[in-house]
PDB file of N, CA and C in Angstrom:
ATOM      1  N   MET A   1       0.853  -1.168   0.000  1.00  0.00           N
ATOM      2  CA  MET A   1       0.000   0.000   0.000  1.00  0.00           C
ATOM      3  C   MET A   1       0.901   1.234   0.000  1.00  0.00           C
ATOM      4  N   ASN A   2       0.619   2.135  -0.905  1.00  0.00           N
ATOM      5  CA  ASN A   2       1.388   3.375  -0.910  1.00  0.00           C
ATOM      6  C   ASN A   2       0.618   4.461  -0.168  1.00  0.00           C
ATOM      7  N   LEU A   3       1.243   5.604   0.001  1.00  0.00           N
ATOM      8  CA  LEU A   3       0.637   6.680   0.777  1.00  0.00           C
ATOM      9  C   LEU A   3      -0.669   7.163   0.161  1.00  0.00           C
ATOM     10  N   VAL A   4      -0.709   7.305  -1.139  1.00  0.00           N
ATOM     11  CA  VAL A   4      -1.937   7.772  -1.798  1.00  0.00           C
ATOM     12  C   VAL A   4      -3.084   6.812  -1.518  1.00  0.00           C
ATOM     13  N   GLU A   5      -2.832   5.524  -1.611  1.00  0.00           N
ATOM     14  CA  GLU A   5      -3.881   4.539  -1.336  1.00  0.00           C
ATOM     15  C   GLU A   5      -4.361   4.638   0.104  1.00  0.00           C
ATOM     16  N   LEU A   6      -3.431   4.796   1.026  1.00  0.00           N
ATOM     17  CA  LEU A   6      -3.793   4.923   2.436  1.00  0.00           C
ATOM     18  C   LEU A   6      -4.633   6.177   2.671  1.00  0.00           C
ATOM     19  N   LEU A   7      -4.202   7.296   2.104  1.00  0.00           N
ATOM     20  CA  LEU A   7      -4.950   8.544   2.269  1.00  0.00           C
ATOM     21  C   LEU A   7      -6.327   8.445   1.635  1.00  0.00           C
ATOM     22  N   GLU A   8      -6.420   7.788   0.491  1.00  0.00           N
ATOM     23  CA  GLU A   8      -7.724   7.628  -0.157  1.00  0.00           C
ATOM     24  C   GLU A   8      -8.675   6.804   0.706  1.00  0.00           C
ATOM     25  N   VAL A   9      -8.175   5.751   1.318  1.00  0.00           N
ATOM     26  CA  VAL A   9      -9.006   4.930   2.204  1.00  0.00           C
ATOM     27  C   VAL A   9      -9.529   5.785   3.361  1.00  0.00           C
ATOM     28  N   ALA A  10      -8.611   6.512   3.990  1.00  0.00           N
ATOM     29  CA  ALA A  10      -8.987   7.311   5.159  1.00  0.00           C
ATOM     30  C   ALA A  10      -9.949   8.432   4.796  1.00  0.00           C
ATOM     31  N   LEU A  11      -9.651   9.159   3.735  1.00  0.00           N
ATOM     32  CA  LEU A  11     -10.492  10.307   3.391  1.00  0.00           C
ATOM     33  C   LEU A  11     -11.843   9.886   2.828  1.00  0.00           C
ATOM     34  N   LEU A  12     -11.893   8.764   2.146  1.00  0.00           N
ATOM     35  CA  LEU A  12     -13.186   8.271   1.665  1.00  0.00           C
ATOM     36  C   LEU A  12     -14.050   7.822   2.838  1.00  0.00           C
ATOM     37  N   ALA A  13     -13.417   7.236   3.857  1.00  0.00           N
ATOM     38  CA  ALA A  13     -14.164   6.864   5.060  1.00  0.00           C
ATOM     39  C   ALA A  13     -14.638   8.111   5.799  1.00  0.00           C
ATOM     40  N   TYR A  14     -13.800   9.142   5.810  1.00  0.00           N
ATOM     41  CA  TYR A  14     -14.139  10.388   6.478  1.00  0.00           C
ATOM     42  C   TYR A  14     -15.280  11.106   5.758  1.00  0.00           C
ATOM     43  N   ASN A  15     -15.224  11.160   4.442  1.00  0.00           N
ATOM     44  CA  ASN A  15     -16.242  11.883   3.676  1.00  0.00           C
ATOM     45  C   ASN A  15     -16.538  11.145   2.375  1.00  0.00           C
ATOM     46  N   PRO A  16     -17.439  10.161   2.419  1.00  0.00           N
ATOM     47  CA  PRO A  16     -17.726   9.361   1.222  1.00  0.00           C
ATOM     48  C   PRO A  16     -18.356  10.160   0.078  1.00  0.00           C
ATOM     49  N   LEU A  17     -18.860  11.347   0.365  1.00  0.00           N
ATOM     50  CA  LEU A  17     -19.469  12.161  -0.691  1.00  0.00           C
ATOM     51  C   LEU A  17     -18.442  12.946  -1.492  1.00  0.00           C
ATOM     52  N   GLU A  18     -17.191  12.924  -1.058  1.00  0.00           N
ATOM     53  CA  GLU A  18     -16.107  13.643  -1.734  1.00  0.00           C
ATOM     54  C   GLU A  18     -15.002  12.667  -2.113  1.00  0.00           C
ATOM     55  N   PRO A  19     -15.192  11.858  -3.164  1.00  0.00           N
ATOM     56  CA  PRO A  19     -14.191  10.835  -3.487  1.00  0.00           C
ATOM     57  C   PRO A  19     -12.834  11.398  -3.912  1.00  0.00           C
ATOM     58  N   HIS A  20     -12.773  12.653  -4.298  1.00  0.00           N
ATOM     59  CA  HIS A  20     -11.514  13.254  -4.730  1.00  0.00           C
ATOM     60  C   HIS A  20     -10.973  14.241  -3.703  1.00  0.00           C
ATOM     61  N   LEU A  21     -11.370  14.098  -2.463  1.00  0.00           N
ATOM     62  CA  LEU A  21     -10.953  15.000  -1.395  1.00  0.00           C
ATOM     63  C   LEU A  21      -9.433  15.054  -1.253  1.00  0.00           C
ATOM     64  N   ILE A  22      -8.779  13.942  -1.514  1.00  0.00           N
ATOM     65  CA  ILE A  22      -7.325  13.876  -1.366  1.00  0.00           C
ATOM     66  C   ILE A  22      -6.627  14.951  -2.207  1.00  0.00           C
ATOM     67  N   GLU A  23      -7.163  15.269  -3.352  1.00  0.00           N
ATOM     68  CA  GLU A  23      -6.526  16.227  -4.256  1.00  0.00           C
ATOM     69  C   GLU A  23      -6.388  17.613  -3.629  1.00  0.00           C
ATOM     70  N   ASP A  24      -7.258  17.944  -2.693  1.00  0.00           N
ATOM     71  CA  ASP A  24      -7.192  19.249  -2.024  1.00  0.00           C
ATOM     72  C   ASP A  24      -6.095  19.311  -0.976  1.00  0.00           C
ATOM     73  N   TYR A  25      -5.653  18.155  -0.484  1.00  0.00           N
ATOM     74  CA  TYR A  25      -4.766  18.135   0.674  1.00  0.00           C
ATOM     75  C   TYR A  25      -3.438  17.401   0.468  1.00  0.00           C
ATOM     76  N   TYR A  26      -3.297  16.750  -0.674  1.00  0.00           N
ATOM     77  CA  TYR A  26      -2.055  16.017  -0.935  1.00  0.00           C
ATOM     78  C   TYR A  26      -1.796  15.957  -2.430  1.00  0.00           C
ATOM     79  N   ASP A  27      -0.590  16.312  -2.831  1.00  0.00           N
ATOM     80  CA  ASP A  27      -0.183  16.266  -4.228  1.00  0.00           C
ATOM     81  C   ASP A  27       0.697  15.032  -4.428  1.00  0.00           C
ATOM     82  N   ALA A  28       0.161  14.028  -5.088  1.00  0.00           N
ATOM     83  CA  ALA A  28       0.877  12.767  -5.256  1.00  0.00           C
ATOM     84  C   ALA A  28       2.109  12.915  -6.143  1.00  0.00           C
ATOM     85  N   GLU A  29       2.100  13.887  -7.036  1.00  0.00           N
ATOM     86  CA  GLU A  29       3.255  14.075  -7.919  1.00  0.00           C
ATOM     87  C   GLU A  29       4.460  14.633  -7.168  1.00  0.00           C
ATOM     88  N   THR A  30       4.212  15.546  -6.245  1.00  0.00           N
ATOM     89  CA  THR A  30       5.318  16.176  -5.519  1.00  0.00           C
ATOM     90  C   THR A  30       5.532  15.569  -4.137  1.00  0.00           C
ATOM     91  N   ASP A  31       4.595  14.737  -3.686  1.00  0.00           N
ATOM     92  CA  ASP A  31       4.623  14.152  -2.350  1.00  0.00           C
ATOM     93  C   ASP A  31       4.583  15.239  -1.280  1.00  0.00           C
ATOM     94  N   GLU A  32       3.853  16.306  -1.571  1.00  0.00           N
ATOM     95  CA  GLU A  32       3.759  17.434  -0.640  1.00  0.00           C
ATOM     96  C   GLU A  32       2.321  17.899  -0.497  1.00  0.00           C
ATOM     97  N   GLU A  33       2.143  18.731   0.487  1.00  0.00           N
ATOM     98  CA  GLU A  33       0.855  19.385   0.712  1.00  0.00           C
ATOM     99  C   GLU A  33       0.748  20.557  -0.266  1.00  0.00           C
ATOM    100  N   PRO A  34      -0.375  20.701  -0.963  1.00  0.00           N
ATOM    101  CA  PRO A  34      -0.527  21.858  -1.842  1.00  0.00           C
ATOM    102  C   PRO A  34      -0.431  23.165  -1.056  1.00  0.00           C
ATOM    103  N   GLU A  35       0.053  24.200  -1.694  1.00  0.00           N
ATOM    104  CA  GLU A  35       0.230  25.488  -1.019  1.00  0.00           C
ATOM    105  C   GLU A  35      -1.072  26.021  -0.441  1.00  0.00           C
ATOM    106  N   ASP A  36      -2.180  25.744  -1.098  1.00  0.00           N
ATOM    107  CA  ASP A  36      -3.467  26.269  -0.651  1.00  0.00           C
ATOM    108  C   ASP A  36      -4.267  25.283   0.199  1.00  0.00           C
ATOM    109  N   ALA A  37      -3.620  24.265   0.739  1.00  0.00           N
ATOM    110  CA  ALA A  37      -4.338  23.248   1.521  1.00  0.00           C
ATOM    111  C   ALA A  37      -5.076  23.860   2.706  1.00  0.00           C
ATOM    112  N   ASP A  38      -4.444  24.819   3.378  1.00  0.00           N
ATOM    113  CA  ASP A  38      -5.095  25.459   4.522  1.00  0.00           C
ATOM    114  C   ASP A  38      -6.354  26.224   4.111  1.00  0.00           C
ATOM    115  N   ALA A  39      -6.395  26.693   2.890  1.00  0.00           N
ATOM    116  CA  ALA A  39      -7.522  27.495   2.419  1.00  0.00           C
ATOM    117  C   ALA A  39      -8.715  26.644   1.988  1.00  0.00           C
ATOM    118  N   GLN A  40      -8.557  25.338   1.950  1.00  0.00           N
ATOM    119  CA  GLN A  40      -9.640  24.471   1.476  1.00  0.00           C
ATOM    120  C   GLN A  40     -10.818  24.435   2.450  1.00  0.00           C
ATOM    121  N   GLY A  41     -10.569  24.722   3.702  1.00  0.00           N
ATOM    122  CA  GLY A  41     -11.665  24.853   4.658  1.00  0.00           C
ATOM    123  C   GLY A  41     -11.958  23.641   5.515  1.00  0.00           C
ATOM    124  N   ASP A  42     -11.542  22.467   5.107  1.00  0.00           N
ATOM    125  CA  ASP A  42     -11.830  21.271   5.896  1.00  0.00           C
ATOM    126  C   ASP A  42     -10.574  20.907   6.683  1.00  0.00           C
ATOM    127  N   THR A  43     -10.430  21.536   7.833  1.00  0.00           N
ATOM    128  CA  THR A  43      -9.202  21.344   8.609  1.00  0.00           C
ATOM    129  C   THR A  43      -9.092  19.941   9.193  1.00  0.00           C
ATOM    130  N   LEU A  44     -10.203  19.251   9.366  1.00  0.00           N
ATOM    131  CA  LEU A  44     -10.124  17.872   9.850  1.00  0.00           C
ATOM    132  C   LEU A  44      -9.536  16.968   8.765  1.00  0.00           C
ATOM    133  N   ALA A  45      -9.939  17.147   7.524  1.00  0.00           N
ATOM    134  CA  ALA A  45      -9.358  16.375   6.423  1.00  0.00           C
ATOM    135  C   ALA A  45      -7.865  16.662   6.317  1.00  0.00           C
ATOM    136  N   LEU A  46      -7.488  17.917   6.457  1.00  0.00           N
ATOM    137  CA  LEU A  46      -6.075  18.286   6.402  1.00  0.00           C
ATOM    138  C   LEU A  46      -5.312  17.645   7.562  1.00  0.00           C
ATOM    139  N   PHE A  47      -5.911  17.644   8.734  1.00  0.00           N
ATOM    140  CA  PHE A  47      -5.299  17.006   9.902  1.00  0.00           C
ATOM    141  C   PHE A  47      -5.072  15.514   9.648  1.00  0.00           C
ATOM    142  N   ILE A  48      -6.069  14.845   9.095  1.00  0.00           N
ATOM    143  CA  ILE A  48      -5.952  13.413   8.810  1.00  0.00           C
ATOM    144  C   ILE A  48      -4.788  13.159   7.859  1.00  0.00           C
ATOM    145  N   VAL A  49      -4.716  13.945   6.797  1.00  0.00           N
ATOM    146  CA  VAL A  49      -3.627  13.780   5.830  1.00  0.00           C
ATOM    147  C   VAL A  49      -2.279  14.011   6.495  1.00  0.00           C
ATOM    148  N   ARG A  50      -2.171  15.061   7.266  1.00  0.00           N
ATOM    149  CA  ARG A  50      -0.893  15.361   7.927  1.00  0.00           C
ATOM    150  C   ARG A  50      -0.476  14.256   8.891  1.00  0.00           C
ATOM    151  N   GLU A  51      -1.410  13.769   9.686  1.00  0.00           N
ATOM    152  CA  GLU A  51      -1.093  12.714  10.652  1.00  0.00           C
ATOM    153  C   GLU A  51      -0.663  11.430   9.950  1.00  0.00           C
ATOM    154  N   LEU A  52      -1.372  11.070   8.905  1.00  0.00           N
ATOM    155  CA  LEU A  52      -1.046   9.822   8.213  1.00  0.00           C
ATOM    156  C   LEU A  52       0.255   9.938   7.428  1.00  0.00           C
ATOM    157  N   ARG A  53       0.530  11.103   6.887  1.00  0.00           N
ATOM    158  CA  ARG A  53       1.819  11.301   6.200  1.00  0.00           C
ATOM    159  C   ARG A  53       2.970  11.159   7.183  1.00  0.00           C
ATOM    160  N   GLU A  54       2.794  11.668   8.383  1.00  0.00           N
ATOM    161  CA  GLU A  54       3.860  11.601   9.390  1.00  0.00           C
ATOM    162  C   GLU A  54       4.151  10.173   9.842  1.00  0.00           C
ATOM    163  N   THR A  55       3.144   9.329   9.853  1.00  0.00           N
ATOM    164  CA  THR A  55       3.337   7.967  10.348  1.00  0.00           C
ATOM    165  C   THR A  55       3.631   6.968   9.237  1.00  0.00           C
ATOM    166  N   PHE A  56       3.513   7.390   7.980  1.00  0.00           N
ATOM    167  CA  PHE A  56       3.687   6.468   6.852  1.00  0.00           C
ATOM    168  C   PHE A  56       5.144   6.085   6.667  1.00  0.00           C
ATOM    169  N   GLU A  57       5.374   4.788   6.530  1.00  0.00           N
ATOM    170  CA  GLU A  57       6.718   4.261   6.264  1.00  0.00           C
ATOM    171  C   GLU A  57       6.605   3.384   5.016  1.00  0.00           C
ATOM    172  N   PRO A  58       7.132   3.853   3.884  1.00  0.00           N
ATOM    173  CA  PRO A  58       6.908   3.159   2.607  1.00  0.00           C
ATOM    174  C   PRO A  58       7.424   1.727   2.538  1.00  0.00           C
ATOM    175  N   THR A  59       8.339   1.352   3.388  1.00  0.00           N
ATOM    176  CA  THR A  59       8.869  -0.019   3.333  1.00  0.00           C
ATOM    177  C   THR A  59       8.020  -1.022   4.102  1.00  0.00           C
ATOM    178  N   ASN A  60       7.040  -0.540   4.854  1.00  0.00           N
ATOM    179  CA  ASN A  60       6.187  -1.451   5.633  1.00  0.00           C
ATOM    180  C   ASN A  60       5.135  -2.111   4.759  1.00  0.00           C
ATOM    181  N   ALA A  61       4.728  -3.284   5.159  1.00  0.00           N
ATOM    182  CA  ALA A  61       3.647  -4.001   4.484  1.00  0.00           C
ATOM    183  C   ALA A  61       2.329  -3.262   4.696  1.00  0.00           C
ATOM    184  N   SER A  62       1.368  -3.560   3.843  1.00  0.00           N
ATOM    185  CA  SER A  62       0.073  -2.875   3.904  1.00  0.00           C
ATOM    186  C   SER A  62      -0.612  -3.020   5.253  1.00  0.00           C
ATOM    187  N   ASP A  63      -0.567  -4.217   5.829  1.00  0.00           N
ATOM    188  CA  ASP A  63      -1.233  -4.396   7.111  1.00  0.00           C
ATOM    189  C   ASP A  63      -0.562  -3.559   8.200  1.00  0.00           C
ATOM    190  N   VAL A  64       0.741  -3.424   8.131  1.00  0.00           N
ATOM    191  CA  VAL A  64       1.457  -2.593   9.100  1.00  0.00           C
ATOM    192  C   VAL A  64       1.114  -1.121   8.880  1.00  0.00           C
ATOM    193  N   GLN A  65       1.017  -0.715   7.622  1.00  0.00           N
ATOM    194  CA  GLN A  65       0.627   0.664   7.311  1.00  0.00           C
ATOM    195  C   GLN A  65      -0.749   0.969   7.910  1.00  0.00           C
ATOM    196  N   LEU A  66      -1.674   0.055   7.705  1.00  0.00           N
ATOM    197  CA  LEU A  66      -3.032   0.258   8.218  1.00  0.00           C
ATOM    198  C   LEU A  66      -3.051   0.290   9.743  1.00  0.00           C
ATOM    199  N   LEU A  67      -2.291  -0.594  10.381  1.00  0.00           N
ATOM    200  CA  LEU A  67      -2.236  -0.594  11.841  1.00  0.00           C
ATOM    201  C   LEU A  67      -1.636   0.702  12.377  1.00  0.00           C
ATOM    202  N   GLN A  68      -0.609   1.219  11.715  1.00  0.00           N
ATOM    203  CA  GLN A  68      -0.021   2.489  12.141  1.00  0.00           C
ATOM    204  C   GLN A  68      -1.007   3.638  11.951  1.00  0.00           C
ATOM    205  N   ALA A  69      -1.758   3.605  10.852  1.00  0.00           N
ATOM    206  CA  ALA A  69      -2.752   4.642  10.608  1.00  0.00           C
ATOM    207  C   ALA A  69      -3.859   4.576  11.659  1.00  0.00           C
ATOM    208  N   ILE A  70      -4.292   3.378  11.972  1.00  0.00           N
ATOM    209  CA  ILE A  70      -5.316   3.200  13.011  1.00  0.00           C
ATOM    210  C   ILE A  70      -4.811   3.737  14.338  1.00  0.00           C
ATOM    211  N   ASP A  71      -3.581   3.413  14.664  1.00  0.00           N
ATOM    212  CA  ASP A  71      -2.984   3.894  15.911  1.00  0.00           C
ATOM    213  C   ASP A  71      -2.945   5.425  15.948  1.00  0.00           C
ATOM    214  N   ALA A  72      -2.560   6.044  14.845  1.00  0.00           N
ATOM    215  CA  ALA A  72      -2.492   7.513  14.785  1.00  0.00           C
ATOM    216  C   ALA A  72      -3.877   8.132  14.969  1.00  0.00           C
ATOM    217  N   MET A  73      -4.888   7.546  14.341  1.00  0.00           N
ATOM    218  CA  MET A  73      -6.243   8.088  14.449  1.00  0.00           C
ATOM    219  C   MET A  73      -6.824   7.834  15.841  1.00  0.00           C
ATOM    220  N   GLN A  74      -6.492   6.696  16.444  1.00  0.00           N
ATOM    221  CA  GLN A  74      -6.958   6.442  17.808  1.00  0.00           C
ATOM    222  C   GLN A  74      -6.307   7.401  18.793  1.00  0.00           C
ATOM    223  N   LYS A  75      -5.047   7.689  18.603  1.00  0.00           N
ATOM    224  CA  LYS A  75      -4.365   8.659  19.458  1.00  0.00           C
ATOM    225  C   LYS A  75      -5.027  10.024  19.329  1.00  0.00           C
ATOM    226  N   ALA A  76      -5.337  10.424  18.101  1.00  0.00           N
ATOM    227  CA  ALA A  76      -6.008  11.708  17.886  1.00  0.00           C
ATOM    228  C   ALA A  76      -7.387  11.719  18.555  1.00  0.00           C
ATOM    229  N   ARG A  77      -8.110  10.611  18.422  1.00  0.00           N
ATOM    230  CA  ARG A  77      -9.428  10.516  19.066  1.00  0.00           C
ATOM    231  C   ARG A  77      -9.297  10.658  20.574  1.00  0.00           C
ATOM    232  N   ASN A  78      -8.315   9.994  21.160  1.00  0.00           N
ATOM    233  CA  ASN A  78      -8.107  10.079  22.606  1.00  0.00           C
ATOM    234  C   ASN A  78      -7.791  11.505  23.040  1.00  0.00           C
ATOM    235  N   GLU A  79      -6.975  12.187  22.268  1.00  0.00           N
ATOM    236  CA  GLU A  79      -6.647  13.573  22.597  1.00  0.00           C
ATOM    237  C   GLU A  79      -7.882  14.473  22.492  1.00  0.00           C
ATOM    238  N   LEU A  80      -8.708  14.228  21.483  1.00  0.00           N
ATOM    239  CA  LEU A  80      -9.947  15.005  21.355  1.00  0.00           C
ATOM    240  C   LEU A  80     -10.904  14.718  22.506  1.00  0.00           C
ATOM    241  N   GLU A  81     -10.944  13.471  22.945  1.00  0.00           N
ATOM    242  CA  GLU A  81     -11.789  13.126  24.093  1.00  0.00           C
ATOM    243  C   GLU A  81     -11.336  13.866  25.343  1.00  0.00           C
ATOM    244  N   GLU A  82     -10.030  14.052  25.502  1.00  0.00           N
ATOM    245  CA  GLU A  82      -9.502  14.820  26.637  1.00  0.00           C
ATOM    246  C   GLU A  82      -9.935  16.286  26.547  1.00  0.00           C
ATOM    247  N   VAL A  83      -9.925  16.829  25.351  1.00  0.00           N
ATOM    248  CA  VAL A  83     -10.375  18.218  25.154  1.00  0.00           C
ATOM    249  C   VAL A  83     -11.850  18.337  25.505  1.00  0.00           C
ATOM    250  N   ILE A  84     -12.643  17.380  25.037  1.00  0.00           N
ATOM    251  CA  ILE A  84     -14.077  17.386  25.340  1.00  0.00           C
ATOM    252  C   ILE A  84     -14.293  17.297  26.851  1.00  0.00           C
ATOM    253  N   ALA A  85     -13.551  16.437  27.515  1.00  0.00           N
ATOM    254  CA  ALA A  85     -13.684  16.301  28.971  1.00  0.00           C
ATOM    255  C   ALA A  85     -13.346  17.609  29.662  1.00  0.00           C
ATOM    256  N   GLY A  86     -12.308  18.278  29.203  1.00  0.00           N
ATOM    257  CA  GLY A  86     -11.951  19.565  29.780  1.00  0.00           C
ATOM    258  C   GLY A  86     -13.020  20.607  29.574  1.00  0.00           C
ATOM    259  N   LEU A  87     -13.605  20.620  28.393  1.00  0.00           N
ATOM    260  CA  LEU A  87     -14.698  21.570  28.107  1.00  0.00           C
ATOM    261  C   LEU A  87     -15.923  21.264  28.952  1.00  0.00           C
ATOM    262  N   LEU A  88     -16.237  19.987  29.117  1.00  0.00           N
ATOM    263  CA  LEU A  88     -17.368  19.612  29.965  1.00  0.00           C
ATOM    264  C   LEU A  88     -17.132  20.009  31.416  1.00  0.00           C
ATOM    265  N   THR A  89     -15.910  19.840  31.886  1.00  0.00           N
ATOM    266  CA  THR A  89     -15.566  20.272  33.249  1.00  0.00           C
ATOM    267  C   THR A  89     -15.773  21.764  33.398  1.00  0.00           C
ATOM    268  N   ALA A  90     -15.309  22.517  32.412  1.00  0.00           N
ATOM    269  CA  ALA A  90     -15.479  23.978  32.472  1.00  0.00           C
ATOM    270  C   ALA A  90     -16.954  24.354  32.440  1.00  0.00           C
ATOM    271  N   LEU A  91     -17.738  23.650  31.648  1.00  0.00           N
ATOM    272  CA  LEU A  91     -19.177  23.918  31.578  1.00  0.00           C
ATOM    273  C   LEU A  91     -19.825  23.639  32.923  1.00  0.00           C
ATOM    274  N   ASN A  92     -19.479  22.528  33.536  1.00  0.00           N
ATOM    275  CA  ASN A  92     -20.059  22.180  34.836  1.00  0.00           C
ATOM    276  C   ASN A  92     -19.683  23.180  35.904  1.00  0.00           C
ATOM    277  N   GLU A  93     -18.509  23.773  35.820  1.00  0.00           N
ATOM    278  CA  GLU A  93     -18.099  24.777  36.778  1.00  0.00           C
ATOM    279  C   GLU A  93     -18.847  26.087  36.589  1.00  0.00           C
ATOM    280  N   GLU A  94     -19.346  26.313  35.369  1.00  0.00           N
ATOM    281  CA  GLU A  94     -20.095  27.527  35.076  1.00  0.00           C
ATOM    282  C   GLU A  94     -21.538  27.450  35.581  1.00  0.00           C
ATOM    283  N   THR A  95     -22.028  26.239  35.745  1.00  0.00           N
ATOM    284  CA  THR A  95     -23.435  26.090  36.149  1.00  0.00           C
ATOM    285  C   THR A  95     -23.576  25.788  37.613  1.00  0.00           C
TER     286      THR A  95
END
């Protein structure tokens, strides 16, 4: 599995109505983020691409690539859950 395939799997799962979402956030020809990626407006899609690019190791087998991607997304989910918990705590202190 190459990086483009991995990103396509993730972004299609994230937004099945936008099958070409990857083109806004990753340039397969240059292996870089397009200059206007931040301007596309979907910062969660951009975050997913950035996280998966950081964890991608081209010499790993596909199953290892997928496991690393899952691990990266689970870590992000856990961090977001901590933010939500903090916000809920602040809300409870306000009431």
